Amino acid sequence: MVVVAFMALTYSFSFTNGLCCADDAAIAVTAKNVANGTGYASSVSFFGASRVTLFDAPISTGPTLVLPAALLIRIVGNTPWAPGAAAATVSFVVLLIVFLVLKRWLGATRSLLFVTLFLVLSYFVSAVGLVQWYGLLGEIPAALLTIAAAALLVSVGTTPRNPLLAGLLLGASLNSKSLALLAGVPVVALFALRSLLLRRADPGKWSSRPLLVIVGYLTLPGLFEMWKLSVLGWPGYLDNVRQWWHFFRFTSGGNQSTGVHSLSVNLSLFTKAFGFHAAVLFVVVAVAAVIVLAGRSPTRRLLKDLLIDPVAFFFTSLAAASAVNLGWFFLAGPDNPRYALIGVSCAVAAVTTVVLSARNRLVIGLTVAVAIAVLFGSVARVVSPVRSLQASGWHETERLQHLRRAAAYLEQHPGQQRYIGSWWASVADLEYMLPTVHNFDSPVDLRPGDERGRLLVRNRFWSDLVPTPAFSALEKECSTVVLEAFPFRISRCPPG
């Protein structure tokens, strides 16, 4: 029932809210462009002049989500719910994979208990940010794919294909979000160390397993890079790599303070976003580690206990993936708690392994109760998603209705030139909703007089968040309002 309720809540948000935010809308634009044959391209201006850019570096979510979303858009059209429904479906399919892998290893009851508790704790730590489950943002699918790969590596001795499959899951995680590399590498490294310890007992079985994981890991990202190369050619591909590196440095802390200052800022942001201090999460994971180890047969060698025993290795892999991701976030990451979500999700999965390890039901019950109590946050945080759906009567929100109105008006008044918008975040959702491609120019695209007779589109949330003098001047000139549907205001510029 918990799993069904969580799925129902997630899909309800997708259908009632549509595109969750600017990043989600920008990725949805890429999915629409794939679906209509334009290519794997953005058609909103992230930097500089407006243009259609193939494999644009700021397309921060990869083909693991973009291609399924494109397939659904191809089938049902560029409806506002299609990207979210595709993203949610990918996440739940991966969660099903986790269940099936654990089921073969531990049976249906414990596997279902693991998945259920994981969803409960995930909801508590991300209730306010439930958009991560239905947006094309990438962090949740990346974390789930890492968890599925770690689960598959636990049972790697049962069949030789498991290491390759686990590597493919890690590659899909990387193709969901580049940041997943910080979670995937520790998992691979620990599996290689585990194989080294087990190779003494069966050299033939364990010698090549880490290599198979690495081959699988590189396959899907490698195919994506080959796709880029085949489309862009060598000069374009090398330029794309340079742009990606610039974008990576810009978004991964290259323009931020690092060290002590970053730690202080991001700890505060983490507490505000997730409802508990990072130290609390560390303590909960540490308690889970003690319980996992207590359920094993001790060898007096801690490293061996953590790596050889299947459940302990599963826990250790997830805890290490979380530690590396969160360590980067706190010490060098950008001031956006979203970038901690992969680490938090892996930590939640690590805590959840107690239901796979502890033999005493009382211990399991007490541990689960404590974890829920500690990570619960406030009641308001937990009930707010349901209340927001109730407030809209489980129908489309006013914001989504206004998005449809604005898109319909623009579609009915195409004009001979593109519409004028502010920066990319202010027009991404409308770009997705319109049937055509590359519908907006930004002020930097215009020469004096180019605005005459054209429609000016203002998203009062995003345009006011990052105001620009050029767009503000155009607003004063193009003052004849033809549509008001908050946050959208469409006005007409005077004719030439």
Protein backbone atom coordinates (compact mmCIF):
# COMPACT_ATOMS: atom_id res chain seq x y z
CA MET A 1 0.00 0.00 0.00
CA VAL A 2 2.83 2.42 0.79
CA VAL A 3 4.42 1.85 -2.61
CA VAL A 4 1.09 2.32 -4.41
CA ALA A 5 0.31 5.47 -2.42
CA PHE A 6 3.73 6.95 -3.17
CA MET A 7 3.33 6.22 -6.89
CA ALA A 8 -0.18 7.72 -6.91
CA LEU A 9 1.07 10.88 -5.19
CA THR A 10 3.97 11.26 -7.62
CA TYR A 11 1.87 10.78 -10.76
CA SER A 12 -0.79 13.12 -9.34
CA PHE A 13 1.82 15.86 -9.05
CA SER A 14 2.94 15.20 -12.61
CA PHE A 15 -0.59 15.59 -14.00
CA THR A 16 -1.67 18.54 -11.82
CA ASN A 17 1.57 20.56 -11.77
CA GLY A 18 3.08 19.74 -15.16
CA LEU A 19 6.56 21.14 -15.59
CA CYS A 20 7.94 21.71 -12.13
CA CYS A 21 10.54 24.40 -12.71
CA ALA A 22 12.90 26.08 -15.15
CA ASP A 23 15.50 23.27 -15.23
CA ASP A 24 12.79 20.67 -15.76
CA ALA A 25 11.28 22.74 -18.58
CA ALA A 26 14.66 23.22 -20.28
CA ILE A 27 15.30 19.46 -20.28
CA ALA A 28 11.74 18.90 -21.52
CA VAL A 29 12.53 21.21 -24.45
CA THR A 30 15.40 18.89 -25.39
CA ALA A 31 13.10 15.86 -25.15
CA LYS A 32 10.55 17.63 -27.38
CA ASN A 33 13.26 18.42 -29.92
CA VAL A 34 14.35 14.77 -29.98
CA ALA A 35 10.73 13.70 -30.42
CA ASN A 36 10.06 16.06 -33.35
CA GLY A 37 13.29 15.24 -35.17
CA THR A 38 15.19 18.47 -34.46
CA GLY A 39 17.83 16.46 -32.60
CA TYR A 40 19.26 16.19 -29.10
CA ALA A 41 19.29 19.95 -28.82
CA SER A 42 18.32 22.91 -26.70
CA SER A 43 16.37 25.74 -28.29
CA VAL A 44 16.49 28.20 -25.40
CA SER A 45 19.46 30.48 -24.90
CA PHE A 46 21.49 29.39 -21.87
CA PHE A 47 24.39 31.69 -22.72
CA GLY A 48 24.52 34.54 -25.22
CA ALA A 49 22.51 34.69 -28.43
CA SER A 50 19.45 32.54 -28.94
CA ARG A 51 19.93 29.50 -31.19
CA VAL A 52 19.30 25.78 -31.55
CA THR A 53 22.34 24.00 -30.11
CA LEU A 54 22.92 20.29 -30.55
CA PHE A 55 24.13 18.51 -27.39
CA ASP A 56 24.23 21.82 -25.55
CA ALA A 57 26.48 21.55 -22.49
CA PRO A 58 23.90 23.02 -20.06
CA ILE A 59 21.52 20.13 -20.85
CA SER A 60 22.33 18.82 -17.39
CA THR A 61 20.16 15.68 -17.49
CA GLY A 62 21.33 12.93 -19.82
CA PRO A 63 19.69 10.46 -22.22
CA THR A 64 18.60 8.06 -19.45
CA LEU A 65 15.69 10.43 -18.85
CA VAL A 66 15.61 12.52 -22.03
CA LEU A 67 15.05 9.60 -24.42
CA PRO A 68 12.12 8.00 -22.49
CA ALA A 69 10.56 11.46 -22.18
CA ALA A 70 11.03 11.99 -25.93
CA LEU A 71 9.34 8.66 -26.64
CA LEU A 72 6.31 9.57 -24.53
CA ILE A 73 6.12 13.05 -26.10
CA ARG A 74 6.25 11.41 -29.51
CA ILE A 75 3.23 9.30 -28.54
CA VAL A 76 1.05 11.79 -26.64
CA GLY A 77 2.43 15.14 -27.83
CA ASN A 78 4.11 17.91 -25.86
CA THR A 79 1.60 17.84 -23.03
CA PRO A 80 2.79 19.42 -19.77
CA TRP A 81 2.50 16.11 -17.90
CA ALA A 82 4.46 13.91 -20.32
CA PRO A 83 8.00 14.74 -19.06
CA GLY A 84 7.02 14.19 -15.43
CA ALA A 85 5.20 10.95 -16.16
CA ALA A 86 8.24 9.65 -18.05
CA ALA A 87 10.63 10.63 -15.25
CA ALA A 88 8.44 9.02 -12.59
CA THR A 89 8.10 5.86 -14.65
CA VAL A 90 11.88 5.54 -15.06
CA SER A 91 12.35 5.92 -11.29
CA PHE A 92 9.70 3.33 -10.44
CA VAL A 93 11.03 0.86 -13.02
CA VAL A 94 14.48 1.12 -11.44
CA LEU A 95 12.93 0.67 -8.00
CA LEU A 96 11.27 -2.48 -9.34
CA ILE A 97 14.70 -3.68 -10.50
CA VAL A 98 16.02 -3.14 -6.96
CA PHE A 99 13.14 -5.21 -5.59
CA LEU A 100 13.65 -8.04 -8.09
CA VAL A 101 17.41 -8.22 -7.47
CA LEU A 102 16.95 -8.31 -3.70
CA LYS A 103 14.09 -10.80 -4.05
CA ARG A 104 16.36 -13.36 -5.74
CA TRP A 105 18.84 -12.90 -2.94
CA LEU A 106 16.71 -12.47 0.20
CA GLY A 107 13.14 -13.34 -0.73
CA ALA A 108 10.05 -11.25 -1.44
CA THR A 109 9.19 -10.23 2.14
CA ARG A 110 12.46 -8.57 3.08
CA SER A 111 12.84 -7.05 -0.38
CA LEU A 112 9.40 -5.45 -0.21
CA LEU A 113 10.16 -4.25 3.32
CA PHE A 114 13.38 -2.64 2.06
CA VAL A 115 11.62 -0.85 -0.82
CA THR A 116 8.75 0.28 1.42
CA LEU A 117 10.97 1.68 4.16
CA PHE A 118 13.20 3.34 1.57
CA LEU A 119 10.20 5.15 0.08
CA VAL A 120 8.91 6.19 3.50
CA LEU A 121 12.26 7.66 4.54
CA SER A 122 12.78 9.22 1.10
CA TYR A 123 9.41 10.92 1.38
CA PHE A 124 10.29 12.32 4.80
CA VAL A 125 13.60 13.78 3.62
CA SER A 126 12.28 15.12 0.31
CA ALA A 127 8.59 15.80 0.90
CA VAL A 128 8.94 19.48 0.09
CA GLY A 129 11.05 18.64 -2.93
CA LEU A 130 8.86 15.82 -4.28
CA VAL A 131 9.42 17.41 -7.69
CA GLN A 132 12.62 15.36 -7.85
CA TRP A 133 10.49 12.26 -8.39
CA TYR A 134 8.50 13.64 -11.33
CA GLY A 135 10.84 16.25 -12.81
CA LEU A 136 13.48 15.66 -15.47
CA LEU A 137 16.15 16.73 -12.99
CA GLY A 138 18.01 13.42 -12.81
CA GLU A 139 19.15 13.08 -9.20
CA ILE A 140 16.59 10.51 -8.03
CA PRO A 141 16.96 8.14 -11.03
CA ALA A 142 20.75 8.45 -10.72
CA ALA A 143 20.63 7.49 -7.04
CA LEU A 144 18.21 4.61 -7.67
CA LEU A 145 20.38 3.22 -10.47
CA THR A 146 23.40 3.35 -8.15
CA ILE A 147 21.43 1.48 -5.48
CA ALA A 148 20.30 -1.12 -8.04
CA ALA A 149 23.89 -1.62 -9.22
CA ALA A 150 25.15 -2.08 -5.65
CA ALA A 151 22.38 -4.64 -5.02
CA LEU A 152 23.34 -6.52 -8.18
CA LEU A 153 27.01 -6.58 -7.19
CA VAL A 154 26.06 -8.20 -3.88
CA SER A 155 24.78 -11.27 -5.72
CA VAL A 156 27.54 -11.16 -8.30
CA GLY A 157 28.71 -14.67 -7.49
CA THR A 158 25.48 -16.23 -8.74
CA THR A 159 26.03 -15.50 -12.44
CA PRO A 160 28.89 -14.06 -14.51
CA ARG A 161 26.64 -11.55 -16.26
CA ASN A 162 25.81 -9.66 -13.06
CA PRO A 163 29.02 -7.55 -13.04
CA LEU A 164 28.35 -6.40 -16.60
CA LEU A 165 24.72 -5.61 -15.83
CA ALA A 166 25.73 -3.71 -12.70
CA GLY A 167 28.19 -1.70 -14.76
CA LEU A 168 25.47 -0.88 -17.28
CA LEU A 169 23.25 0.37 -14.46
CA LEU A 170 26.05 2.59 -13.21
CA GLY A 171 26.56 3.87 -16.76
CA ALA A 172 22.84 4.64 -17.00
CA SER A 173 23.18 6.49 -13.69
CA LEU A 174 26.01 8.58 -15.14
CA ASN A 175 23.87 9.20 -18.24
CA SER A 176 21.13 10.45 -15.94
CA LYS A 177 23.34 12.91 -14.06
CA SER A 178 27.08 13.50 -14.40
CA LEU A 179 27.23 14.06 -10.65
CA ALA A 180 26.43 10.36 -10.20
CA LEU A 181 30.10 9.70 -10.94
CA LEU A 182 30.82 10.63 -7.32
CA ALA A 183 28.54 7.82 -6.18
CA GLY A 184 29.44 5.24 -8.81
CA VAL A 185 33.22 5.29 -8.46
CA PRO A 186 33.21 4.33 -4.74
CA VAL A 187 30.89 1.41 -5.51
CA VAL A 188 33.21 0.12 -8.23
CA ALA A 189 36.31 0.64 -6.07
CA LEU A 190 34.83 -1.26 -3.14
CA PHE A 191 33.71 -4.09 -5.40
CA ALA A 192 37.24 -4.34 -6.79
CA LEU A 193 38.58 -4.53 -3.23
CA ARG A 194 36.00 -7.18 -2.34
CA SER A 195 36.97 -9.18 -5.40
CA LEU A 196 40.60 -9.00 -4.35
CA LEU A 197 39.72 -10.48 -0.97
CA LEU A 198 37.53 -13.22 -2.45
CA ARG A 199 39.94 -14.09 -5.27
CA ARG A 200 42.09 -16.09 -2.87
CA ALA A 201 39.26 -18.59 -2.44
CA ASP A 202 38.24 -18.76 -6.12
CA PRO A 203 40.67 -16.97 -8.47
CA GLY A 204 38.90 -18.01 -11.67
CA LYS A 205 35.58 -16.53 -10.61
CA TRP A 206 36.72 -13.19 -9.17
CA SER A 207 39.72 -12.12 -11.23
CA SER A 208 37.80 -10.63 -14.15
CA ARG A 209 34.67 -9.39 -12.37
CA PRO A 210 35.87 -5.81 -11.66
CA LEU A 211 36.94 -5.46 -15.30
CA LEU A 212 33.45 -6.49 -16.45
CA VAL A 213 31.92 -3.83 -14.16
CA ILE A 214 34.19 -1.15 -15.63
CA VAL A 215 33.40 -2.23 -19.19
CA GLY A 216 29.68 -2.04 -18.46
CA TYR A 217 30.15 1.30 -16.68
CA LEU A 218 31.80 2.87 -19.71
CA THR A 219 29.51 1.39 -22.36
CA LEU A 220 26.44 3.66 -22.21
CA PRO A 221 28.35 6.93 -21.63
CA GLY A 222 30.71 5.85 -24.42
CA LEU A 223 27.81 5.27 -26.83
CA PHE A 224 26.43 8.71 -25.98
CA GLU A 225 29.79 10.32 -26.71
CA MET A 226 30.00 8.42 -30.01
CA TRP A 227 26.56 9.76 -30.89
CA LYS A 228 27.79 13.29 -30.20
CA LEU A 229 30.91 12.73 -32.31
CA SER A 230 28.94 11.31 -35.25
CA VAL A 231 26.65 14.36 -35.28
CA LEU A 232 29.11 17.16 -34.43
CA GLY A 233 32.30 15.91 -36.09
CA TRP A 234 35.68 16.24 -34.42
CA PRO A 235 35.90 20.09 -34.33
CA GLY A 236 32.36 20.42 -33.00
CA TYR A 237 32.87 17.57 -30.53
CA LEU A 238 36.05 19.09 -29.08
CA ASP A 239 34.31 22.46 -28.79
CA ASN A 240 31.42 20.71 -27.02
CA VAL A 241 33.87 19.15 -24.54
CA ARG A 242 35.34 22.58 -23.81
CA GLN A 243 31.85 24.04 -23.29
CA TRP A 244 30.93 21.14 -21.02
CA TRP A 245 34.03 21.71 -18.92
CA HIS A 246 33.22 25.41 -18.63
CA PHE A 247 29.64 24.59 -17.61
CA PHE A 248 30.84 21.95 -15.14
CA ARG A 249 33.19 24.39 -13.42
CA PHE A 250 30.46 27.03 -13.38
CA THR A 251 27.88 24.77 -11.72
CA SER A 252 30.08 22.56 -9.53
CA GLY A 253 31.58 25.21 -7.34
CA GLY A 254 34.18 26.69 -9.65
CA ASN A 255 32.54 30.07 -9.14
CA GLN A 256 31.81 29.52 -5.46
CA SER A 257 33.76 29.67 -2.23
CA THR A 258 35.20 26.36 -1.11
CA GLY A 259 36.43 24.89 2.15
CA VAL A 260 35.22 26.27 5.47
CA HIS A 261 32.98 28.95 3.99
CA SER A 262 31.32 26.48 1.62
CA LEU A 263 30.86 24.02 4.49
CA SER A 264 29.11 26.64 6.63
CA VAL A 265 26.81 27.83 3.83
CA ASN A 266 25.89 24.39 2.53
CA LEU A 267 25.32 22.91 5.98
CA SER A 268 22.77 25.65 6.60
CA LEU A 269 21.12 25.09 3.22
CA PHE A 270 21.08 21.33 3.82
CA THR A 271 19.27 21.72 7.15
CA LYS A 272 16.72 24.09 5.66
CA ALA A 273 16.05 21.85 2.64
CA PHE A 274 15.88 18.44 4.32
CA GLY A 275 14.62 19.36 7.78
CA PHE A 276 17.52 17.95 9.83
CA HIS A 277 21.23 18.64 10.33
CA ALA A 278 23.78 16.66 8.35
CA ALA A 279 25.27 15.42 11.63
CA VAL A 280 21.96 13.74 12.42
CA LEU A 281 22.12 11.82 9.16
CA PHE A 282 25.69 10.79 9.96
CA VAL A 283 24.66 9.46 13.38
CA VAL A 284 21.73 7.50 11.92
CA VAL A 285 23.99 5.91 9.30
CA ALA A 286 26.58 5.07 11.98
CA VAL A 287 23.92 3.37 14.13
CA ALA A 288 22.79 1.41 11.07
CA ALA A 289 26.41 0.33 10.52
CA VAL A 290 26.62 -1.04 14.07
CA ILE A 291 23.39 -3.00 13.60
CA VAL A 292 24.47 -4.38 10.22
CA LEU A 293 27.79 -5.55 11.66
CA ALA A 294 26.10 -6.98 14.76
CA GLY A 295 24.06 -9.24 12.53
CA ARG A 296 27.18 -10.76 10.95
CA SER A 297 29.66 -13.36 12.10
CA PRO A 298 32.60 -11.22 13.22
CA THR A 299 36.12 -12.03 12.02
CA ARG A 300 37.83 -9.35 14.11
CA ARG A 301 38.83 -7.68 10.87
CA LEU A 302 36.52 -4.74 10.29
CA LEU A 303 37.38 -4.28 6.60
CA LYS A 304 36.72 -7.93 5.89
CA ASP A 305 33.43 -7.81 7.79
CA LEU A 306 32.30 -4.80 5.76
CA LEU A 307 33.28 -6.20 2.36
CA ILE A 308 32.87 -9.97 2.44
CA ASP A 309 29.43 -10.31 3.97
CA PRO A 310 26.78 -9.52 1.29
CA VAL A 311 24.52 -7.27 3.40
CA ALA A 312 27.48 -5.48 4.96
CA PHE A 313 28.96 -4.89 1.49
CA PHE A 314 25.62 -3.53 0.26
CA PHE A 315 25.56 -1.15 3.23
CA THR A 316 29.22 -0.14 2.82
CA SER A 317 28.82 0.59 -0.89
CA LEU A 318 25.84 2.85 -0.32
CA ALA A 319 27.41 4.59 2.68
CA ALA A 320 30.62 5.25 0.69
CA ALA A 321 28.64 6.57 -2.29
CA SER A 322 26.79 8.91 0.07
CA ALA A 323 29.94 10.05 1.86
CA VAL A 324 31.78 11.00 -1.33
CA ASN A 325 28.80 12.85 -2.80
CA LEU A 326 27.99 14.74 0.40
CA GLY A 327 31.65 15.44 1.11
CA TRP A 328 31.97 17.11 -2.29
CA PHE A 329 28.74 19.03 -1.76
CA PHE A 330 29.67 20.43 1.64
CA LEU A 331 33.27 21.33 0.80
CA ALA A 332 33.15 22.37 -2.84
CA GLY A 333 29.59 22.14 -4.19
CA PRO A 334 27.32 24.96 -5.33
CA ASP A 335 24.88 26.50 -2.88
CA ASN A 336 21.96 24.38 -4.03
CA PRO A 337 20.83 21.48 -1.79
CA ARG A 338 19.53 19.63 -4.82
CA TYR A 339 23.12 18.56 -5.50
CA ALA A 340 23.17 16.68 -2.18
CA LEU A 341 20.16 14.55 -3.08
CA ILE A 342 22.10 11.62 -4.58
CA GLY A 343 24.15 11.38 -1.39
CA VAL A 344 21.08 11.68 0.83
CA SER A 345 19.21 8.99 -1.14
CA CYS A 346 22.17 6.60 -0.92
CA ALA A 347 22.40 7.30 2.84
CA VAL A 348 18.69 6.53 3.24
CA ALA A 349 19.19 3.25 1.35
CA ALA A 350 22.17 2.41 3.58
CA VAL A 351 20.05 2.95 6.70
CA THR A 352 17.32 0.81 5.19
CA THR A 353 19.68 -2.19 4.92
CA VAL A 354 19.04 -2.86 8.63
CA VAL A 355 15.85 -4.68 7.59
CA LEU A 356 18.01 -7.02 5.53
CA SER A 357 20.59 -7.59 8.25
CA ALA A 358 19.21 -7.68 11.77
CA ARG A 359 17.85 -11.05 12.88
CA ASN A 360 15.94 -9.66 15.87
CA ARG A 361 12.58 -8.15 14.90
CA LEU A 362 12.62 -5.92 17.96
CA VAL A 363 15.96 -4.45 16.88
CA ILE A 364 14.62 -3.87 13.38
CA GLY A 365 11.46 -2.23 14.71
CA LEU A 366 13.29 0.04 17.11
CA THR A 367 15.83 1.07 14.47
CA VAL A 368 13.14 1.87 11.93
CA ALA A 369 11.14 3.82 14.52
CA VAL A 370 14.19 5.87 15.53
CA ALA A 371 15.14 6.56 11.89
CA ILE A 372 11.63 7.73 11.08
CA ALA A 373 11.45 9.89 14.20
CA VAL A 374 14.83 11.51 13.53
CA LEU A 375 14.35 12.11 9.80
CA PHE A 376 10.66 13.00 10.03
CA GLY A 377 11.11 16.76 10.20
CA SER A 378 7.96 18.75 10.88
CA VAL A 379 4.42 17.55 10.29
CA ALA A 380 3.84 20.50 7.97
CA ARG A 381 6.68 19.36 5.68
CA VAL A 382 5.27 15.86 5.44
CA VAL A 383 1.64 16.76 4.79
CA SER A 384 2.31 19.73 2.49
CA PRO A 385 2.36 17.69 -0.77
CA VAL A 386 -1.06 16.20 -0.03
CA ARG A 387 -2.45 19.55 1.06
CA SER A 388 -1.23 21.21 -2.13
CA LEU A 389 -3.07 18.59 -4.19
CA GLN A 390 -6.19 19.08 -2.09
CA ALA A 391 -5.94 22.84 -2.57
CA SER A 392 -6.14 22.39 -6.35
CA GLY A 393 -8.96 19.86 -6.01
CA TRP A 394 -6.64 17.26 -7.57
CA HIS A 395 -6.98 19.20 -10.83
CA GLU A 396 -4.48 21.29 -12.75
CA THR A 397 -3.01 24.09 -10.68
CA GLU A 398 -3.70 27.70 -11.55
CA ARG A 399 -0.08 28.08 -12.65
CA LEU A 400 -0.46 25.24 -15.16
CA GLN A 401 -3.76 26.62 -16.44
CA HIS A 402 -2.11 29.99 -17.01
CA LEU A 403 0.79 28.32 -18.80
CA ARG A 404 -1.70 26.70 -21.16
CA ARG A 405 -3.43 30.07 -21.72
CA ALA A 406 -0.18 31.85 -22.50
CA ALA A 407 0.98 29.10 -24.87
CA ALA A 408 -2.41 29.04 -26.63
CA TYR A 409 -2.34 32.82 -27.13
CA LEU A 410 1.15 32.73 -28.62
CA GLU A 411 0.20 29.82 -30.87
CA GLN A 412 -2.79 31.79 -32.17
CA HIS A 413 -0.64 34.89 -32.82
CA PRO A 414 2.50 33.49 -34.44
CA GLY A 415 3.76 36.62 -36.20
CA GLN A 416 6.53 36.64 -38.76
CA GLN A 417 9.34 36.91 -36.20
CA ARG A 418 10.12 35.15 -32.95
CA TYR A 419 8.71 36.36 -29.67
CA ILE A 420 10.93 38.30 -27.28
CA GLY A 421 11.70 36.85 -23.86
CA SER A 422 14.10 37.53 -21.04
CA TRP A 423 16.71 34.94 -20.01
CA TRP A 424 16.23 31.21 -20.68
CA ALA A 425 14.44 30.28 -17.43
CA SER A 426 11.64 32.75 -18.17
CA VAL A 427 10.65 31.15 -21.49
CA ALA A 428 11.65 27.45 -21.20
CA ASP A 429 8.16 26.20 -20.26
CA LEU A 430 6.52 28.13 -23.10
CA GLU A 431 9.17 26.92 -25.55
CA TYR A 432 8.24 23.38 -24.56
CA MET A 433 4.49 23.96 -24.87
CA LEU A 434 4.59 25.55 -28.33
CA PRO A 435 4.49 23.15 -31.30
CA THR A 436 7.37 24.86 -33.10
CA VAL A 437 11.09 25.10 -32.25
CA HIS A 438 13.20 28.14 -31.31
CA ASN A 439 10.32 30.50 -30.62
CA PHE A 440 12.09 33.20 -28.58
CA ASP A 441 14.79 35.80 -29.04
CA SER A 442 16.51 37.37 -26.06
CA PRO A 443 17.37 41.08 -25.89
CA VAL A 444 20.97 40.36 -26.92
CA ASP A 445 19.68 39.06 -30.27
CA LEU A 446 18.00 42.36 -31.17
CA ARG A 447 19.30 45.34 -33.07
CA PRO A 448 17.66 48.74 -32.59
CA GLY A 449 14.15 48.60 -34.04
CA ASP A 450 13.98 44.80 -34.25
CA GLU A 451 11.34 44.69 -31.53
CA ARG A 452 8.74 46.64 -33.51
CA GLY A 453 5.43 44.84 -33.87
CA ARG A 454 6.57 41.79 -31.93
CA LEU A 455 5.16 40.19 -28.78
CA LEU A 456 7.11 40.57 -25.55
CA VAL A 457 6.72 37.73 -23.03
CA ARG A 458 7.45 38.30 -19.38
CA ASN A 459 7.46 35.61 -16.70
CA ARG A 460 7.18 37.79 -13.63
CA PHE A 461 8.84 35.22 -11.37
CA TRP A 462 11.96 34.49 -13.43
CA SER A 463 12.24 37.88 -15.13
CA ASP A 464 12.10 39.66 -11.78
CA LEU A 465 14.52 37.18 -10.21
CA VAL A 466 17.24 38.09 -12.70
CA PRO A 467 16.30 41.50 -14.13
CA THR A 468 18.26 42.87 -17.08
CA PRO A 469 18.36 46.54 -18.16
CA ALA A 470 17.77 45.64 -21.81
CA PHE A 471 14.61 43.68 -21.09
CA SER A 472 13.36 46.31 -18.61
CA ALA A 473 13.73 48.95 -21.32
CA LEU A 474 11.76 46.80 -23.75
CA GLU A 475 8.99 46.38 -21.16
CA LYS A 476 8.58 50.16 -20.98
CA GLU A 477 8.45 50.43 -24.75
CA CYS A 478 6.16 47.43 -25.32
CA SER A 479 3.50 48.47 -22.83
CA THR A 480 0.29 47.34 -24.56
CA VAL A 481 -0.70 44.28 -22.51
CA VAL A 482 -2.63 41.68 -24.54
CA LEU A 483 -2.67 38.83 -22.00
CA GLU A 484 -2.32 38.74 -18.24
CA ALA A 485 -2.09 35.25 -16.72
CA PHE A 486 0.22 35.24 -13.72
CA PRO A 487 3.14 34.81 -13.85
CA PHE A 488 2.92 35.50 -17.58
CA ARG A 489 2.35 38.92 -19.09
CA ILE A 490 2.32 39.26 -22.86
CA SER A 491 2.50 42.72 -24.39
CA ARG A 492 2.81 44.06 -27.91
CA CYS A 493 5.58 46.34 -29.07
CA PRO A 494 4.55 49.37 -31.15
CA PRO A 495 4.64 48.80 -34.91
CA GLY A 496 7.41 50.24 -36.99
